[in-house]
């Protein structure tokens, strides 16, 4: 009998956000990718109007605790195009448990500005 594929972690995504990558599987999304996946990238979301980007990836290879790194970026786009003119790291946070990561992601997506 085939092993059941894990389900994606439920997320509350506000309007305006585009999710490019979502590899946050329940219950342990810090484990190895499912079906190849995207390697170390677990999650990427962009709010173009605000210039906000959220990026989550696995911790360093060989980390037995399975940590993840959450990064927030402010982006400046070309006025009439889709290219990024500049990107600035706002902050980053290493987490070892899923619940705090999901809470942070949802909170960051609700904030109108990151200052």
Protein backbone atom coordinates (compact mmCIF):
# COMPACT_ATOMS: atom_id res chain seq x y z
CA UNK A 1 0.00 0.00 0.00
CA UNK A 2 1.31 3.45 -0.92
CA UNK A 3 2.32 5.77 1.88
CA UNK A 4 -0.02 8.75 2.34
CA UNK A 5 1.40 12.02 1.08
CA UNK A 6 1.56 14.72 3.77
CA UNK A 7 -0.87 17.61 3.52
CA UNK A 8 0.10 21.25 3.24
CA UNK A 9 0.06 23.33 6.40
CA UNK A 10 -3.11 25.50 6.39
CA UNK A 11 -2.29 29.21 6.05
CA UNK A 12 -4.45 32.34 6.16
CA UNK A 13 -3.25 34.40 3.19
CA UNK A 14 -4.60 37.98 2.98
CA UNK A 15 -5.53 39.53 -0.36
CA UNK A 16 -2.68 40.91 -2.44
CA UNK A 17 -0.16 38.17 -1.69
CA UNK A 18 1.17 35.84 -4.40
CA UNK A 19 2.54 32.49 -3.23
CA UNK A 20 5.31 31.25 -5.52
CA UNK A 21 6.51 28.28 -3.44
CA UNK A 22 4.72 26.41 -0.65
CA UNK A 23 6.46 23.32 0.70
CA UNK A 24 5.20 23.73 4.28
CA UNK A 25 3.85 20.23 4.85
CA UNK A 26 2.29 19.00 8.07
CA UNK A 27 3.48 17.99 10.56
CA UNK A 28 7.21 18.45 9.91
CA UNK A 29 8.04 20.80 7.07
CA UNK A 30 11.65 20.99 8.20
CA UNK A 31 12.19 17.43 6.95
CA UNK A 32 13.48 16.57 3.48
CA UNK A 33 11.47 17.75 0.44
CA UNK A 34 8.42 15.76 -0.62
CA UNK A 35 8.70 14.36 -4.19
CA UNK A 36 11.82 16.37 -4.94
CA UNK A 37 10.24 19.70 -4.01
CA UNK A 38 12.31 22.85 -4.19
CA UNK A 39 15.28 21.72 -2.09
CA UNK A 40 15.97 24.13 0.73
CA UNK A 41 13.20 26.60 -0.23
CA UNK A 42 10.04 25.98 1.78
CA UNK A 43 7.95 29.10 1.17
CA UNK A 44 8.06 32.29 -0.87
CA UNK A 45 5.37 34.98 -0.94
CA UNK A 46 5.27 38.43 -2.52
CA UNK A 47 3.03 41.47 -2.05
CA UNK A 48 3.98 43.61 -5.02
CA UNK A 49 2.02 46.75 -4.06
CA UNK A 50 3.71 46.90 -0.65
CA UNK A 51 7.07 45.63 -1.86
CA UNK A 52 7.06 42.88 0.77
CA UNK A 53 8.60 39.44 0.29
CA UNK A 54 8.64 36.53 2.74
CA UNK A 55 11.14 33.76 2.27
CA UNK A 56 11.47 30.54 4.30
CA UNK A 57 14.15 27.90 3.83
CA UNK A 58 15.58 24.96 5.70
CA UNK A 59 18.42 25.52 8.11
CA UNK A 60 21.94 24.38 7.41
CA UNK A 61 22.34 20.86 6.04
CA UNK A 62 23.00 18.32 8.73
CA UNK A 63 21.12 20.29 11.41
CA UNK A 64 19.53 17.45 13.41
CA UNK A 65 16.99 19.83 14.98
CA UNK A 66 15.56 20.77 11.57
CA UNK A 67 15.52 24.55 11.93
CA UNK A 68 14.08 26.94 9.35
CA UNK A 69 15.07 30.51 8.48
CA UNK A 70 12.35 33.16 7.97
CA UNK A 71 13.49 36.25 6.08
CA UNK A 72 11.58 39.46 5.30
CA UNK A 73 12.61 41.68 2.40
CA UNK A 74 11.52 45.11 1.19
CA UNK A 75 11.66 45.34 -2.60
CA UNK A 76 11.58 48.31 -4.96
CA UNK A 77 10.18 47.56 -8.41
CA UNK A 78 10.65 49.27 -11.77
CA UNK A 79 7.87 51.85 -12.25
CA UNK A 80 6.58 50.32 -15.51
CA UNK A 81 7.91 46.78 -15.31
CA UNK A 82 8.23 43.69 -13.21
CA UNK A 83 11.95 43.92 -12.50
CA UNK A 84 13.27 44.52 -9.01
CA UNK A 85 15.45 47.63 -8.70
CA UNK A 86 16.57 46.96 -5.12
CA UNK A 87 15.95 44.54 -2.28
CA UNK A 88 16.67 45.05 1.40
CA UNK A 89 16.72 42.44 4.14
CA UNK A 90 14.46 43.69 6.95
CA UNK A 91 15.19 40.86 9.38
CA UNK A 92 15.64 37.13 9.70
CA UNK A 93 14.69 34.65 12.37
CA UNK A 94 15.70 31.02 12.88
CA UNK A 95 12.91 28.81 14.24
CA UNK A 96 12.82 25.17 15.27
CA UNK A 97 9.06 24.64 15.57
CA UNK A 98 6.26 24.95 13.04
CA UNK A 99 3.58 26.75 15.07
CA UNK A 100 5.69 29.88 15.75
CA UNK A 101 6.69 30.02 12.07
CA UNK A 102 3.08 29.88 10.86
CA UNK A 103 2.08 32.53 13.40
CA UNK A 104 4.90 34.83 12.23
CA UNK A 105 4.10 34.32 8.54
CA UNK A 106 0.43 35.14 9.05
CA UNK A 107 1.27 38.17 11.22
CA UNK A 108 3.81 39.56 8.73
CA UNK A 109 1.32 39.18 5.86
CA UNK A 110 -1.30 41.21 7.76
CA UNK A 111 1.02 44.15 8.51
CA UNK A 112 0.51 47.10 6.12
CA UNK A 113 4.15 48.20 6.44
CA UNK A 114 7.44 46.80 7.67
CA UNK A 115 9.49 49.51 9.31
